[in-house]
């Protein structure tokens, strides 16, 4: 149970940090909506990582 509680707190922290929402607003979101925001944040992080690889030789060949 402690692991699940820590994961939930981390999820709320990530959303609060990214969107500047207060904690109660995030807890009030339905679970599916909260997960959707987390997926968007993950996609944004992946895109930023890929953009940072441009010009390093790690991009796909033409």
Protein backbone atom coordinates (compact mmCIF):
# COMPACT_ATOMS: atom_id res chain seq x y z
CA UNK A 1 0.00 0.00 0.00
CA UNK A 2 2.86 2.37 0.74
CA UNK A 3 4.14 1.99 -2.83
CA UNK A 4 0.74 2.84 -4.29
CA UNK A 5 0.37 5.88 -2.03
CA UNK A 6 3.84 7.10 -2.99
CA UNK A 7 3.02 6.64 -6.69
CA UNK A 8 -0.22 8.62 -6.34
CA UNK A 9 1.60 11.41 -4.57
CA UNK A 10 4.24 11.47 -7.31
CA UNK A 11 1.52 11.64 -9.97
CA UNK A 12 -0.18 14.56 -8.21
CA UNK A 13 3.19 16.28 -7.84
CA UNK A 14 3.94 15.95 -11.58
CA UNK A 15 0.56 17.38 -12.58
CA UNK A 16 0.77 20.22 -10.04
CA UNK A 17 4.27 21.13 -11.19
CA UNK A 18 3.36 21.13 -14.88
CA UNK A 19 -0.03 22.83 -14.73
CA UNK A 20 0.31 24.90 -11.53
CA UNK A 21 -2.94 23.48 -10.16
CA UNK A 22 -3.60 23.16 -6.43
CA UNK A 23 -3.57 19.66 -4.98
CA UNK A 24 -7.32 19.51 -4.21
CA UNK A 25 -8.16 20.26 -7.84
CA UNK A 26 -5.98 17.37 -9.00
CA UNK A 27 -7.42 14.93 -6.43
CA UNK A 28 -10.91 15.89 -7.62
CA UNK A 29 -10.12 14.79 -11.18
CA UNK A 30 -11.50 11.42 -12.22
CA UNK A 31 -8.73 8.80 -12.33
CA UNK A 32 -8.94 8.47 -16.11
CA UNK A 33 -8.57 12.22 -16.55
CA UNK A 34 -5.58 12.29 -14.20
CA UNK A 35 -3.97 9.48 -16.20
CA UNK A 36 -4.67 11.33 -19.45
CA UNK A 37 -2.77 14.37 -18.15
CA UNK A 38 0.12 12.15 -17.05
CA UNK A 39 0.26 10.57 -20.51
CA UNK A 40 0.39 14.03 -22.10
CA UNK A 41 3.26 15.00 -19.82
CA UNK A 42 5.10 11.79 -20.74
CA UNK A 43 4.57 12.45 -24.46
CA UNK A 44 5.88 16.00 -24.05
CA UNK A 45 8.95 14.70 -22.21
CA UNK A 46 9.58 12.14 -24.95
CA UNK A 47 9.25 14.81 -27.65
CA UNK A 48 11.70 17.07 -25.82
CA UNK A 49 14.16 14.21 -25.49
CA UNK A 50 13.93 13.40 -29.20
CA UNK A 51 14.32 17.05 -30.12
CA UNK A 52 17.46 17.18 -28.02
CA UNK A 53 18.93 14.29 -29.99
CA UNK A 54 18.76 16.17 -33.30
CA UNK A 55 22.23 16.68 -34.69
CA UNK A 56 23.82 14.14 -32.36
CA UNK A 57 23.84 11.24 -34.79
CA UNK A 58 21.00 9.47 -33.00
CA UNK A 59 18.25 10.62 -35.35
CA UNK A 60 16.75 8.32 -37.99
CA UNK A 61 18.66 8.15 -41.28
CA UNK A 62 17.08 9.94 -44.27
